[in-house]
């Protein structure tokens, strides 16, 4: 899967993927404070993105809910 990475000078890094359904979802990782902004497109307006600010703890909790241990390849394991 392709991840579109865009440096945001003075802010951080924006990383976005396009889902199989054509929707965009991503994260802006801020340089300061560990804040993450969850981004997702507006199905009614293809030029609009919505965001939800998450603290580092919230981002880690969400990663767990999404199954982080299930999707992280451990060294020496072969991805299925």
Protein backbone atom coordinates (compact mmCIF):
# COMPACT_ATOMS: atom_id res chain seq x y z
CA UNK A 1 0.00 0.00 0.00
CA UNK A 2 1.30 3.45 -0.92
CA UNK A 3 1.66 6.04 1.85
CA UNK A 4 1.74 9.65 0.65
CA UNK A 5 4.17 11.55 2.91
CA UNK A 6 4.25 15.34 2.97
CA UNK A 7 6.59 17.41 5.15
CA UNK A 8 4.74 20.30 6.77
CA UNK A 9 7.45 22.88 7.58
CA UNK A 10 7.25 24.02 11.18
CA UNK A 11 4.40 21.58 11.89
CA UNK A 12 5.45 17.98 11.26
CA UNK A 13 4.68 15.17 8.85
CA UNK A 14 1.42 14.32 7.05
CA UNK A 15 0.95 10.69 5.98
CA UNK A 16 -2.14 9.60 4.04
CA UNK A 17 -3.34 6.34 2.47
CA UNK A 18 -6.19 5.74 0.06
CA UNK A 19 -8.43 2.82 1.02
CA UNK A 20 -9.76 0.18 -1.36
CA UNK A 21 -13.04 2.17 -1.38
CA UNK A 22 -11.18 5.31 -2.53
CA UNK A 23 -11.41 7.09 0.82
CA UNK A 24 -8.41 8.91 2.28
CA UNK A 25 -7.30 8.54 5.88
CA UNK A 26 -4.07 9.62 7.51
CA UNK A 27 -2.17 11.20 10.35
CA UNK A 28 -0.34 14.46 10.94
CA UNK A 29 2.45 13.92 13.47
CA UNK A 30 3.36 17.23 15.08
CA UNK A 31 6.98 18.08 15.83
CA UNK A 32 6.19 19.37 19.30
CA UNK A 33 4.19 17.73 22.06
CA UNK A 34 3.58 14.31 20.52
CA UNK A 35 0.15 15.31 19.21
CA UNK A 36 -1.32 13.34 16.32
CA UNK A 37 -4.17 14.55 14.13
CA UNK A 38 -6.25 11.77 12.60
CA UNK A 39 -7.34 12.88 9.11
CA UNK A 40 -10.20 11.55 7.02
CA UNK A 41 -11.90 12.77 3.90
CA UNK A 42 -15.40 14.16 3.59
CA UNK A 43 -17.38 11.80 1.33
CA UNK A 44 -19.59 14.72 0.28
CA UNK A 45 -16.68 16.99 -0.69
CA UNK A 46 -13.53 15.38 -2.15
CA UNK A 47 -11.51 18.56 -1.51
CA UNK A 48 -12.23 18.60 2.23
CA UNK A 49 -10.48 16.71 5.03
CA UNK A 50 -11.67 16.45 8.62
CA UNK A 51 -9.32 16.02 11.56
CA UNK A 52 -9.42 14.83 15.14
CA UNK A 53 -6.58 15.83 17.48
CA UNK A 54 -5.22 12.97 19.61
CA UNK A 55 -2.69 13.00 22.43
CA UNK A 56 0.11 10.43 22.28
CA UNK A 57 -1.74 8.22 24.79
CA UNK A 58 -4.96 8.47 22.75
CA UNK A 59 -3.08 7.62 19.53
CA UNK A 60 -1.52 4.55 21.18
CA UNK A 61 -4.91 3.44 22.51
CA UNK A 62 -6.48 3.84 19.05
CA UNK A 63 -3.60 1.85 17.52
CA UNK A 64 -4.41 -0.92 19.99
CA UNK A 65 -8.09 -0.82 19.07
CA UNK A 66 -7.13 -1.12 15.40
CA UNK A 67 -5.17 -4.25 16.23
CA UNK A 68 -1.60 -2.92 16.32
CA UNK A 69 -0.24 -6.23 17.68
CA UNK A 70 -1.97 -7.99 14.78
CA UNK A 71 -0.51 -5.77 12.06
CA UNK A 72 3.05 -5.21 13.29
CA UNK A 73 5.52 -7.63 11.70
CA UNK A 74 8.02 -8.83 14.27
CA UNK A 75 11.66 -9.31 13.17
CA UNK A 76 12.09 -12.66 11.49
CA UNK A 77 8.38 -13.14 10.77
CA UNK A 78 7.06 -13.43 7.26
CA UNK A 79 4.04 -11.23 6.51
CA UNK A 80 1.01 -13.18 5.35
